[in-house]
Amino acid sequence: MTKILNSLLIAASLFTFAPATFADSEVQITAEFPHDTTLSAEANYQVMLDTAETACDALKPTSAYFPVHYSREARNECQIDLVEQGIEAFQREDLAEVHYAVTGQQIQLAQLTQ
């Protein structure tokens, strides 16, 4: 059996939650989501979460000016943002349903008309 594996490059721009000295700084995070059509929606969603988490690790605290609690919040927001962009790009209703079950956030996918 041949596996069909696609990937999608997603970028997110985030405004950090750091104190005023960093309030206007913007960080560009990019993730390439692998997508295996032979896996279930739940398995693909988990791969997307893991990929986004790794990409968002760039927001780890680097000094006293970027405290741990700001970093954790920014990384969580980054991860969800990347995953939501990936789901929208893949246009898979089953991934949107898994995301809703996990986060309570609905994603409106494009409606294709003929």
PDB file of N, CA and C in Angstrom:
ATOM      1  N   MET A   1       0.837  -1.155   0.000  1.00  0.00           N
ATOM      2  CA  MET A   1       0.000   0.000   0.000  1.00  0.00           C
ATOM      3  C   MET A   1       0.899   1.240   0.000  1.00  0.00           C
ATOM      4  N   THR A   2       0.525   2.219  -0.779  1.00  0.00           N
ATOM      5  CA  THR A   2       1.292   3.451  -0.878  1.00  0.00           C
ATOM      6  C   THR A   2       0.713   4.483   0.075  1.00  0.00           C
ATOM      7  N   LYS A   3       1.580   5.087   0.833  1.00  0.00           N
ATOM      8  CA  LYS A   3       1.153   6.154   1.739  1.00  0.00           C
ATOM      9  C   LYS A   3       1.180   7.474   0.993  1.00  0.00           C
ATOM     10  N   ILE A   4       0.138   8.245   1.165  1.00  0.00           N
ATOM     11  CA  ILE A   4       0.110   9.581   0.595  1.00  0.00           C
ATOM     12  C   ILE A   4       0.444  10.541   1.721  1.00  0.00           C
ATOM     13  N   LEU A   5       1.545  11.246   1.560  1.00  0.00           N
ATOM     14  CA  LEU A   5       1.999  12.152   2.600  1.00  0.00           C
ATOM     15  C   LEU A   5       2.181  13.532   1.987  1.00  0.00           C
ATOM     16  N   ASN A   6       1.399  14.469   2.455  1.00  0.00           N
ATOM     17  CA  ASN A   6       1.508  15.848   2.014  1.00  0.00           C
ATOM     18  C   ASN A   6       2.049  16.659   3.171  1.00  0.00           C
ATOM     19  N   SER A   7       2.542  17.816   2.853  1.00  0.00           N
ATOM     20  CA  SER A   7       2.920  18.718   3.927  1.00  0.00           C
ATOM     21  C   SER A   7       2.486  20.120   3.546  1.00  0.00           C
ATOM     22  N   LEU A   8       2.346  20.929   4.537  1.00  0.00           N
ATOM     23  CA  LEU A   8       1.859  22.275   4.351  1.00  0.00           C
ATOM     24  C   LEU A   8       2.678  23.203   5.227  1.00  0.00           C
ATOM     25  N   LEU A   9       3.166  24.281   4.643  1.00  0.00           N
ATOM     26  CA  LEU A   9       3.954  25.249   5.383  1.00  0.00           C
ATOM     27  C   LEU A   9       3.035  26.353   5.883  1.00  0.00           C
ATOM     28  N   ILE A  10       3.025  26.553   7.189  1.00  0.00           N
ATOM     29  CA  ILE A  10       2.158  27.541   7.824  1.00  0.00           C
ATOM     30  C   ILE A  10       3.042  28.516   8.602  1.00  0.00           C
ATOM     31  N   ALA A  11       2.699  29.774   8.540  1.00  0.00           N
ATOM     32  CA  ALA A  11       3.433  30.781   9.311  1.00  0.00           C
ATOM     33  C   ALA A  11       2.456  31.554  10.176  1.00  0.00           C
ATOM     34  N   ALA A  12       2.912  31.924  11.335  1.00  0.00           N
ATOM     35  CA  ALA A  12       2.080  32.724  12.246  1.00  0.00           C
ATOM     36  C   ALA A  12       2.898  33.894  12.750  1.00  0.00           C
ATOM     37  N   SER A  13       2.316  35.039  12.741  1.00  0.00           N
ATOM     38  CA  SER A  13       2.953  36.215  13.349  1.00  0.00           C
ATOM     39  C   SER A  13       2.280  36.433  14.691  1.00  0.00           C
ATOM     40  N   LEU A  14       3.074  36.536  15.706  1.00  0.00           N
ATOM     41  CA  LEU A  14       2.532  36.688  17.056  1.00  0.00           C
ATOM     42  C   LEU A  14       3.076  37.936  17.708  1.00  0.00           C
ATOM     43  N   PHE A  15       2.210  38.630  18.411  1.00  0.00           N
ATOM     44  CA  PHE A  15       2.663  39.718  19.247  1.00  0.00           C
ATOM     45  C   PHE A  15       2.871  39.121  20.624  1.00  0.00           C
ATOM     46  N   THR A  16       4.042  39.307  21.162  1.00  0.00           N
ATOM     47  CA  THR A  16       4.356  38.684  22.445  1.00  0.00           C
ATOM     48  C   THR A  16       3.572  39.346  23.565  1.00  0.00           C
ATOM     49  N   PHE A  17       3.475  38.655  24.673  1.00  0.00           N
ATOM     50  CA  PHE A  17       2.770  39.146  25.845  1.00  0.00           C
ATOM     51  C   PHE A  17       3.754  39.730  26.847  1.00  0.00           C
ATOM     52  N   ALA A  18       4.939  40.036  26.395  1.00  0.00           N
ATOM     53  CA  ALA A  18       5.992  40.508  27.282  1.00  0.00           C
ATOM     54  C   ALA A  18       5.707  41.926  27.768  1.00  0.00           C
ATOM     55  N   PRO A  19       6.474  42.388  28.744  1.00  0.00           N
ATOM     56  CA  PRO A  19       6.304  43.748  29.258  1.00  0.00           C
ATOM     57  C   PRO A  19       6.478  44.797  28.160  1.00  0.00           C
ATOM     58  N   ALA A  20       6.233  46.034  28.504  1.00  0.00           N
ATOM     59  CA  ALA A  20       6.188  47.138  27.540  1.00  0.00           C
ATOM     60  C   ALA A  20       7.415  47.210  26.638  1.00  0.00           C
ATOM     61  N   THR A  21       8.568  46.820  27.113  1.00  0.00           N
ATOM     62  CA  THR A  21       9.760  46.917  26.280  1.00  0.00           C
ATOM     63  C   THR A  21       9.665  46.030  25.047  1.00  0.00           C
ATOM     64  N   PHE A  22       8.838  44.997  25.096  1.00  0.00           N
ATOM     65  CA  PHE A  22       8.682  44.089  23.966  1.00  0.00           C
ATOM     66  C   PHE A  22       7.275  44.147  23.364  1.00  0.00           C
ATOM     67  N   ALA A  23       6.466  45.073  23.800  1.00  0.00           N
ATOM     68  CA  ALA A  23       5.052  45.094  23.396  1.00  0.00           C
ATOM     69  C   ALA A  23       4.858  45.187  21.895  1.00  0.00           C
ATOM     70  N   ASP A  24       5.764  45.849  21.199  1.00  0.00           N
ATOM     71  CA  ASP A  24       5.605  46.006  19.759  1.00  0.00           C
ATOM     72  C   ASP A  24       6.420  44.998  18.960  1.00  0.00           C
ATOM     73  N   SER A  25       7.090  44.100  19.610  1.00  0.00           N
ATOM     74  CA  SER A  25       7.911  43.145  18.865  1.00  0.00           C
ATOM     75  C   SER A  25       7.026  42.060  18.260  1.00  0.00           C
ATOM     76  N   GLU A  26       7.406  41.613  17.091  1.00  0.00           N
ATOM     77  CA  GLU A  26       6.648  40.583  16.392  1.00  0.00           C
ATOM     78  C   GLU A  26       7.587  39.434  16.093  1.00  0.00           C
ATOM     79  N   VAL A  27       7.114  38.234  16.302  1.00  0.00           N
ATOM     80  CA  VAL A  27       7.910  37.039  16.072  1.00  0.00           C
ATOM     81  C   VAL A  27       7.241  36.227  14.976  1.00  0.00           C
ATOM     82  N   GLN A  28       7.992  35.827  13.983  1.00  0.00           N
ATOM     83  CA  GLN A  28       7.463  35.006  12.890  1.00  0.00           C
ATOM     84  C   GLN A  28       7.801  33.545  13.182  1.00  0.00           C
ATOM     85  N   ILE A  29       6.776  32.721  13.292  1.00  0.00           N
ATOM     86  CA  ILE A  29       6.952  31.292  13.546  1.00  0.00           C
ATOM     87  C   ILE A  29       6.444  30.538  12.319  1.00  0.00           C
ATOM     88  N   THR A  30       7.210  29.586  11.851  1.00  0.00           N
ATOM     89  CA  THR A  30       6.828  28.808  10.677  1.00  0.00           C
ATOM     90  C   THR A  30       6.849  27.327  11.026  1.00  0.00           C
ATOM     91  N   ALA A  31       5.849  26.612  10.540  1.00  0.00           N
ATOM     92  CA  ALA A  31       5.785  25.158  10.769  1.00  0.00           C
ATOM     93  C   ALA A  31       5.377  24.467   9.481  1.00  0.00           C
ATOM     94  N   GLU A  32       5.988  23.342   9.215  1.00  0.00           N
ATOM     95  CA  GLU A  32       5.584  22.524   8.073  1.00  0.00           C
ATOM     96  C   GLU A  32       4.843  21.312   8.627  1.00  0.00           C
ATOM     97  N   PHE A  33       3.545  21.265   8.333  1.00  0.00           N
ATOM     98  CA  PHE A  33       2.715  20.189   8.857  1.00  0.00           C
ATOM     99  C   PHE A  33       2.715  19.001   7.904  1.00  0.00           C
ATOM    100  N   PRO A  34       3.183  17.846   8.379  1.00  0.00           N
ATOM    101  CA  PRO A  34       3.006  16.635   7.572  1.00  0.00           C
ATOM    102  C   PRO A  34       1.546  16.207   7.663  1.00  0.00           C
ATOM    103  N   HIS A  35       1.062  15.590   6.630  1.00  0.00           N
ATOM    104  CA  HIS A  35      -0.342  15.177   6.596  1.00  0.00           C
ATOM    105  C   HIS A  35      -0.414  13.817   5.911  1.00  0.00           C
ATOM    106  N   ASP A  36      -0.753  12.804   6.663  1.00  0.00           N
ATOM    107  CA  ASP A  36      -0.808  11.434   6.154  1.00  0.00           C
ATOM    108  C   ASP A  36      -2.269  11.023   6.038  1.00  0.00           C
ATOM    109  N   THR A  37      -2.742  10.846   4.812  1.00  0.00           N
ATOM    110  CA  THR A  37      -4.154  10.524   4.601  1.00  0.00           C
ATOM    111  C   THR A  37      -4.520   9.125   5.091  1.00  0.00           C
ATOM    112  N   THR A  38      -3.540   8.306   5.402  1.00  0.00           N
ATOM    113  CA  THR A  38      -3.854   6.970   5.910  1.00  0.00           C
ATOM    114  C   THR A  38      -4.095   6.973   7.421  1.00  0.00           C
ATOM    115  N   LEU A  39      -3.767   8.092   8.091  1.00  0.00           N
ATOM    116  CA  LEU A  39      -3.991   8.205   9.534  1.00  0.00           C
ATOM    117  C   LEU A  39      -5.379   8.763   9.810  1.00  0.00           C
ATOM    118  N   SER A  40      -5.886   8.484  10.982  1.00  0.00           N
ATOM    119  CA  SER A  40      -7.174   9.032  11.409  1.00  0.00           C
ATOM    120  C   SER A  40      -7.045  10.540  11.632  1.00  0.00           C
ATOM    121  N   ALA A  41      -8.178  11.206  11.725  1.00  0.00           N
ATOM    122  CA  ALA A  41      -8.181  12.641  12.008  1.00  0.00           C
ATOM    123  C   ALA A  41      -7.510  12.910  13.352  1.00  0.00           C
ATOM    124  N   GLU A  42      -7.766  12.068  14.337  1.00  0.00           N
ATOM    125  CA  GLU A  42      -7.177  12.242  15.663  1.00  0.00           C
ATOM    126  C   GLU A  42      -5.652  12.125  15.604  1.00  0.00           C
ATOM    127  N   ALA A  43      -5.159  11.149  14.847  1.00  0.00           N
ATOM    128  CA  ALA A  43      -3.709  10.955  14.731  1.00  0.00           C
ATOM    129  C   ALA A  43      -3.072  12.129  13.983  1.00  0.00           C
ATOM    130  N   ASN A  44      -3.696  12.577  12.893  1.00  0.00           N
ATOM    131  CA  ASN A  44      -3.174  13.735  12.164  1.00  0.00           C
ATOM    132  C   ASN A  44      -3.202  14.988  13.037  1.00  0.00           C
ATOM    133  N   TYR A  45      -4.257  15.146  13.822  1.00  0.00           N
ATOM    134  CA  TYR A  45      -4.363  16.300  14.714  1.00  0.00           C
ATOM    135  C   TYR A  45      -3.234  16.281  15.739  1.00  0.00           C
ATOM    136  N   GLN A  46      -2.935  15.120  16.296  1.00  0.00           N
ATOM    137  CA  GLN A  46      -1.852  15.012  17.277  1.00  0.00           C
ATOM    138  C   GLN A  46      -0.511  15.356  16.639  1.00  0.00           C
ATOM    139  N   VAL A  47      -0.293  14.914  15.414  1.00  0.00           N
ATOM    140  CA  VAL A  47       0.939  15.254  14.702  1.00  0.00           C
ATOM    141  C   VAL A  47       1.011  16.771  14.503  1.00  0.00           C
ATOM    142  N   MET A  48      -0.118  17.381  14.163  1.00  0.00           N
ATOM    143  CA  MET A  48      -0.153  18.842  13.993  1.00  0.00           C
ATOM    144  C   MET A  48       0.174  19.552  15.306  1.00  0.00           C
ATOM    145  N   LEU A  49      -0.391  19.074  16.413  1.00  0.00           N
ATOM    146  CA  LEU A  49      -0.097  19.674  17.721  1.00  0.00           C
ATOM    147  C   LEU A  49       1.384  19.562  18.062  1.00  0.00           C
ATOM    148  N   ASP A  50       1.940  18.386  17.848  1.00  0.00           N
ATOM    149  CA  ASP A  50       3.360  18.164  18.158  1.00  0.00           C
ATOM    150  C   ASP A  50       4.260  19.042  17.289  1.00  0.00           C
ATOM    151  N   THR A  51       3.919  19.151  16.004  1.00  0.00           N
ATOM    152  CA  THR A  51       4.699  19.977  15.082  1.00  0.00           C
ATOM    153  C   THR A  51       4.638  21.444  15.490  1.00  0.00           C
ATOM    154  N   ALA A  52       3.430  21.919  15.826  1.00  0.00           N
ATOM    155  CA  ALA A  52       3.254  23.309  16.243  1.00  0.00           C
ATOM    156  C   ALA A  52       3.981  23.578  17.560  1.00  0.00           C
ATOM    157  N   GLU A  53       3.933  22.633  18.472  1.00  0.00           N
ATOM    158  CA  GLU A  53       4.616  22.804  19.755  1.00  0.00           C
ATOM    159  C   GLU A  53       6.116  22.972  19.544  1.00  0.00           C
ATOM    160  N   THR A  54       6.684  22.160  18.673  1.00  0.00           N
ATOM    161  CA  THR A  54       8.114  22.263  18.377  1.00  0.00           C
ATOM    162  C   THR A  54       8.443  23.607  17.742  1.00  0.00           C
ATOM    163  N   ALA A  55       7.615  24.044  16.787  1.00  0.00           N
ATOM    164  CA  ALA A  55       7.853  25.336  16.127  1.00  0.00           C
ATOM    165  C   ALA A  55       7.759  26.485  17.115  1.00  0.00           C
ATOM    166  N   CYS A  56       6.814  26.409  18.027  1.00  0.00           N
ATOM    167  CA  CYS A  56       6.577  27.498  18.978  1.00  0.00           C
ATOM    168  C   CYS A  56       7.575  27.511  20.128  1.00  0.00           C
ATOM    169  N   ASP A  57       8.436  26.518  20.203  1.00  0.00           N
ATOM    170  CA  ASP A  57       9.479  26.516  21.225  1.00  0.00           C
ATOM    171  C   ASP A  57      10.435  27.689  21.058  1.00  0.00           C
ATOM    172  N   ALA A  58      10.388  28.352  19.902  1.00  0.00           N
ATOM    173  CA  ALA A  58      11.217  29.539  19.689  1.00  0.00           C
ATOM    174  C   ALA A  58      10.830  30.651  20.653  1.00  0.00           C
ATOM    175  N   LEU A  59       9.652  30.545  21.271  1.00  0.00           N
ATOM    176  CA  LEU A  59       9.181  31.579  22.195  1.00  0.00           C
ATOM    177  C   LEU A  59       9.554  31.288  23.645  1.00  0.00           C
ATOM    178  N   LYS A  60      10.520  30.418  23.860  1.00  0.00           N
ATOM    179  CA  LYS A  60      10.956  30.140  25.233  1.00  0.00           C
ATOM    180  C   LYS A  60      11.609  31.388  25.821  1.00  0.00           C
ATOM    181  N   PRO A  61      11.514  31.536  27.140  1.00  0.00           N
ATOM    182  CA  PRO A  61      12.088  32.728  27.767  1.00  0.00           C
ATOM    183  C   PRO A  61      13.602  32.784  27.583  1.00  0.00           C
ATOM    184  N   THR A  62      14.097  33.991  27.297  1.00  0.00           N
ATOM    185  CA  THR A  62      15.536  34.161  27.093  1.00  0.00           C
ATOM    186  C   THR A  62      16.162  35.102  28.113  1.00  0.00           C
ATOM    187  N   SER A  63      15.351  35.821  28.862  1.00  0.00           N
ATOM    188  CA  SER A  63      15.904  36.744  29.858  1.00  0.00           C
ATOM    189  C   SER A  63      14.821  37.102  30.872  1.00  0.00           C
ATOM    190  N   ALA A  64      15.195  37.922  31.817  1.00  0.00           N
ATOM    191  CA  ALA A  64      14.237  38.374  32.826  1.00  0.00           C
ATOM    192  C   ALA A  64      13.151  39.239  32.208  1.00  0.00           C
ATOM    193  N   TYR A  65      13.397  39.771  31.012  1.00  0.00           N
ATOM    194  CA  TYR A  65      12.413  40.625  30.358  1.00  0.00           C
ATOM    195  C   TYR A  65      11.297  39.831  29.679  1.00  0.00           C
ATOM    196  N   PHE A  66      11.454  38.537  29.588  1.00  0.00           N
ATOM    197  CA  PHE A  66      10.424  37.691  28.987  1.00  0.00           C
ATOM    198  C   PHE A  66      10.142  36.552  29.968  1.00  0.00           C
ATOM    199  N   PRO A  67       9.367  36.832  31.020  1.00  0.00           N
ATOM    200  CA  PRO A  67       9.138  35.862  32.096  1.00  0.00           C
ATOM    201  C   PRO A  67       8.478  34.573  31.615  1.00  0.00           C
ATOM    202  N   VAL A  68       8.663  33.529  32.380  1.00  0.00           N
ATOM    203  CA  VAL A  68       8.167  32.205  32.028  1.00  0.00           C
ATOM    204  C   VAL A  68       6.664  32.200  31.785  1.00  0.00           C
ATOM    205  N   HIS A  69       5.872  32.859  32.631  1.00  0.00           N
ATOM    206  CA  HIS A  69       4.421  32.801  32.449  1.00  0.00           C
ATOM    207  C   HIS A  69       3.992  33.488  31.158  1.00  0.00           C
ATOM    208  N   TYR A  70       4.695  34.528  30.703  1.00  0.00           N
ATOM    209  CA  TYR A  70       4.387  35.136  29.406  1.00  0.00           C
ATOM    210  C   TYR A  70       4.751  34.174  28.286  1.00  0.00           C
ATOM    211  N   SER A  71       5.877  33.523  28.436  1.00  0.00           N
ATOM    212  CA  SER A  71       6.341  32.594  27.416  1.00  0.00           C
ATOM    213  C   SER A  71       5.376  31.429  27.260  1.00  0.00           C
ATOM    214  N   ARG A  72       4.922  30.865  28.355  1.00  0.00           N
ATOM    215  CA  ARG A  72       3.994  29.730  28.304  1.00  0.00           C
ATOM    216  C   ARG A  72       2.707  30.125  27.591  1.00  0.00           C
ATOM    217  N   GLU A  73       2.179  31.303  27.931  1.00  0.00           N
ATOM    218  CA  GLU A  73       0.950  31.790  27.315  1.00  0.00           C
ATOM    219  C   GLU A  73       1.153  32.036  25.811  1.00  0.00           C
ATOM    220  N   ALA A  74       2.266  32.652  25.459  1.00  0.00           N
ATOM    221  CA  ALA A  74       2.567  32.934  24.055  1.00  0.00           C
ATOM    222  C   ALA A  74       2.751  31.647  23.269  1.00  0.00           C
ATOM    223  N   ARG A  75       3.416  30.655  23.861  1.00  0.00           N
ATOM    224  CA  ARG A  75       3.626  29.367  23.157  1.00  0.00           C
ATOM    225  C   ARG A  75       2.306  28.640  22.961  1.00  0.00           C
ATOM    226  N   ASN A  76       1.421  28.666  23.962  1.00  0.00           N
ATOM    227  CA  ASN A  76       0.117  28.019  23.811  1.00  0.00           C
ATOM    228  C   ASN A  76      -0.695  28.689  22.713  1.00  0.00           C
ATOM    229  N   GLU A  77      -0.697  30.024  22.699  1.00  0.00           N
ATOM    230  CA  GLU A  77      -1.425  30.761  21.670  1.00  0.00           C
ATOM    231  C   GLU A  77      -0.839  30.482  20.279  1.00  0.00           C
ATOM    232  N   CYS A  78       0.471  30.441  20.204  1.00  0.00           N
ATOM    233  CA  CYS A  78       1.159  30.145  18.952  1.00  0.00           C
ATOM    234  C   CYS A  78       0.758  28.766  18.433  1.00  0.00           C
ATOM    235  N   GLN A  79       0.783  27.769  19.309  1.00  0.00           N
ATOM    236  CA  GLN A  79       0.460  26.397  18.917  1.00  0.00           C
ATOM    237  C   GLN A  79      -0.967  26.304  18.374  1.00  0.00           C
ATOM    238  N   ILE A  80      -1.918  26.883  19.074  1.00  0.00           N
ATOM    239  CA  ILE A  80      -3.315  26.838  18.632  1.00  0.00           C
ATOM    240  C   ILE A  80      -3.484  27.579  17.312  1.00  0.00           C
ATOM    241  N   ASP A  81      -2.827  28.744  17.193  1.00  0.00           N
ATOM    242  CA  ASP A  81      -2.920  29.528  15.963  1.00  0.00           C
ATOM    243  C   ASP A  81      -2.396  28.735  14.760  1.00  0.00           C
ATOM    244  N   LEU A  82      -1.246  28.110  14.912  1.00  0.00           N
ATOM    245  CA  LEU A  82      -0.680  27.329  13.808  1.00  0.00           C
ATOM    246  C   LEU A  82      -1.584  26.154  13.438  1.00  0.00           C
ATOM    247  N   VAL A  83      -2.080  25.446  14.430  1.00  0.00           N
ATOM    248  CA  VAL A  83      -2.948  24.294  14.165  1.00  0.00           C
ATOM    249  C   VAL A  83      -4.232  24.751  13.462  1.00  0.00           C
ATOM    250  N   GLU A  84      -4.820  25.839  13.924  1.00  0.00           N
ATOM    251  CA  GLU A  84      -6.045  26.332  13.289  1.00  0.00           C
ATOM    252  C   GLU A  84      -5.790  26.743  11.837  1.00  0.00           C
ATOM    253  N   GLN A  85      -4.656  27.380  11.579  1.00  0.00           N
ATOM    254  CA  GLN A  85      -4.311  27.725  10.197  1.00  0.00           C
ATOM    255  C   GLN A  85      -4.127  26.469   9.349  1.00  0.00           C
ATOM    256  N   GLY A  86      -3.519  25.451   9.935  1.00  0.00           N
ATOM    257  CA  GLY A  86      -3.328  24.187   9.208  1.00  0.00           C
ATOM    258  C   GLY A  86      -4.656  23.528   8.867  1.00  0.00           C
ATOM    259  N   ILE A  87      -5.570  23.505   9.817  1.00  0.00           N
ATOM    260  CA  ILE A  87      -6.884  22.901   9.585  1.00  0.00           C
ATOM    261  C   ILE A  87      -7.623  23.660   8.490  1.00  0.00           C
ATOM    262  N   GLU A  88      -7.556  24.983   8.544  1.00  0.00           N
ATOM    263  CA  GLU A  88      -8.204  25.787   7.500  1.00  0.00           C
ATOM    264  C   GLU A  88      -7.584  25.520   6.134  1.00  0.00           C
ATOM    265  N   ALA A  89      -6.276  25.364   6.086  1.00  0.00           N
ATOM    266  CA  ALA A  89      -5.605  25.117   4.810  1.00  0.00           C
ATOM    267  C   ALA A  89      -5.914  23.727   4.266  1.00  0.00           C
ATOM    268  N   PHE A  90      -5.967  22.723   5.135  1.00  0.00           N
ATOM    269  CA  PHE A  90      -6.279  21.364   4.695  1.00  0.00           C
ATOM    270  C   PHE A  90      -7.757  21.196   4.342  1.00  0.00           C
ATOM    271  N   GLN A  91      -8.613  22.073   4.891  1.00  0.00           N
ATOM    272  CA  GLN A  91     -10.052  22.030   4.626  1.00  0.00           C
ATOM    273  C   GLN A  91     -10.658  20.659   4.930  1.00  0.00           C
ATOM    274  N   ARG A  92     -10.297  20.120   6.098  1.00  0.00           N
ATOM    275  CA  ARG A  92     -10.834  18.823   6.512  1.00  0.00           C
ATOM    276  C   ARG A  92     -11.774  19.020   7.690  1.00  0.00           C
ATOM    277  N   GLU A  93     -13.028  18.714   7.449  1.00  0.00           N
ATOM    278  CA  GLU A  93     -14.059  18.849   8.478  1.00  0.00           C
ATOM    279  C   GLU A  93     -13.756  17.962   9.684  1.00  0.00           C
ATOM    280  N   ASP A  94     -13.221  16.763   9.434  1.00  0.00           N
ATOM    281  CA  ASP A  94     -12.933  15.858  10.554  1.00  0.00           C
ATOM    282  C   ASP A  94     -11.851  16.425  11.478  1.00  0.00           C
ATOM    283  N   LEU A  95     -10.861  17.128  10.916  1.00  0.00           N
ATOM    284  CA  LEU A  95      -9.852  17.774  11.766  1.00  0.00           C
ATOM    285  C   LEU A  95     -10.467  18.921  12.557  1.00  0.00           C
ATOM    286  N   ALA A  96     -11.372  19.665  11.927  1.00  0.00           N
ATOM    287  CA  ALA A  96     -12.061  20.756  12.618  1.00  0.00           C
ATOM    288  C   ALA A  96     -12.893  20.216  13.778  1.00  0.00           C
ATOM    289  N   GLU A  97     -13.511  19.063  13.592  1.00  0.00           N
ATOM    290  CA  GLU A  97     -14.311  18.454  14.658  1.00  0.00           C
ATOM    291  C   GLU A  97     -13.429  18.008  15.824  1.00  0.00           C
ATOM    292  N   VAL A  98     -12.264  17.443  15.522  1.00  0.00           N
ATOM    293  CA  VAL A  98     -11.338  17.035  16.589  1.00  0.00           C
ATOM    294  C   VAL A  98     -10.862  18.273  17.339  1.00  0.00           C
ATOM    295  N   HIS A  99     -10.541  19.323  16.609  1.00  0.00           N
ATOM    296  CA  HIS A  99     -10.082  20.569  17.241  1.00  0.00           C
ATOM    297  C   HIS A  99     -11.161  21.121  18.172  1.00  0.00           C
ATOM    298  N   TYR A 100     -12.405  21.102  17.723  1.00  0.00           N
ATOM    299  CA  TYR A 100     -13.511  21.579  18.561  1.00  0.00           C
ATOM    300  C   TYR A 100     -13.637  20.724  19.825  1.00  0.00           C
ATOM    301  N   ALA A 101     -13.500  19.413  19.681  1.00  0.00           N
ATOM    302  CA  ALA A 101     -13.600  18.519  20.835  1.00  0.00           C
ATOM    303  C   ALA A 101     -12.483  18.785  21.844  1.00  0.00           C
ATOM    304  N   VAL A 102     -11.307  19.151  21.362  1.00  0.00           N
ATOM    305  CA  VAL A 102     -10.154  19.376  22.239  1.00  0.00           C
ATOM    306  C   VAL A 102     -10.175  20.775  22.853  1.00  0.00           C
ATOM    307  N   THR A 103     -10.491  21.803  22.042  1.00  0.00           N
ATOM    308  CA  THR A 103     -10.349  23.181  22.508  1.00  0.00           C
ATOM    309  C   THR A 103     -11.664  23.920  22.733  1.00  0.00           C
ATOM    310  N   GLY A 104     -12.749  23.427  22.148  1.00  0.00           N
ATOM    311  CA  GLY A 104     -14.020  24.140  22.212  1.00  0.00           C
ATOM    312  C   GLY A 104     -14.104  25.273  21.195  1.00  0.00           C
ATOM    313  N   GLN A 105     -13.079  25.421  20.371  1.00  0.00           N
ATOM    314  CA  GLN A 105     -13.039  26.468  19.346  1.00  0.00           C
ATOM    315  C   GLN A 105     -13.496  25.907  18.006  1.00  0.00           C
ATOM    316  N   GLN A 106     -14.506  26.532  17.411  1.00  0.00           N
ATOM    317  CA  GLN A 106     -14.974  26.093  16.108  1.00  0.00           C
ATOM    318  C   GLN A 106     -14.176  26.779  15.015  1.00  0.00           C
ATOM    319  N   ILE A 107     -13.933  26.042  13.954  1.00  0.00           N
ATOM    320  CA  ILE A 107     -13.251  26.579  12.785  1.00  0.00           C
ATOM    321  C   ILE A 107     -14.228  26.524  11.633  1.00  0.00           C
ATOM    322  N   GLN A 108     -14.469  27.671  11.032  1.00  0.00           N
ATOM    323  CA  GLN A 108     -15.374  27.750   9.884  1.00  0.00           C
ATOM    324  C   GLN A 108     -14.566  27.463   8.618  1.00  0.00           C
ATOM    325  N   LEU A 109     -14.861  26.328   7.990  1.00  0.00           N
ATOM    326  CA  LEU A 109     -14.177  25.980   6.747  1.00  0.00           C
ATOM    327  C   LEU A 109     -14.925  26.563   5.566  1.00  0.00           C
ATOM    328  N   ALA A 110     -14.216  26.795   4.501  1.00  0.00           N
ATOM    329  CA  ALA A 110     -14.822  27.363   3.295  1.00  0.00           C
ATOM    330  C   ALA A 110     -15.872  26.387   2.761  1.00  0.00           C
ATOM    331  N   GLN A 111     -16.988  26.945   2.299  1.00  0.00           N
ATOM    332  CA  GLN A 111     -18.035  26.143   1.699  1.00  0.00           C
ATOM    333  C   GLN A 111     -17.854  26.161   0.188  1.00  0.00           C
ATOM    334  N   LEU A 112     -17.633  25.006  -0.395  1.00  0.00           N
ATOM    335  CA  LEU A 112     -17.434  24.918  -1.830  1.00  0.00           C
ATOM    336  C   LEU A 112     -18.799  24.842  -2.525  1.00  0.00           C
ATOM    337  N   THR A 113     -18.986  25.671  -3.526  1.00  0.00           N
ATOM    338  CA  THR A 113     -20.234  25.651  -4.282  1.00  0.00           C
ATOM    339  C   THR A 113     -19.948  25.273  -5.722  1.00  0.00           C
ATOM    340  N   GLN A 114     -20.975  24.748  -6.374  1.00  0.00           N
ATOM    341  CA  GLN A 114     -20.802  24.340  -7.764  1.00  0.00           C
ATOM    342  C   GLN A 114     -21.432  25.333  -8.687  1.00  0.00           C
TER     343      GLN A 114
END
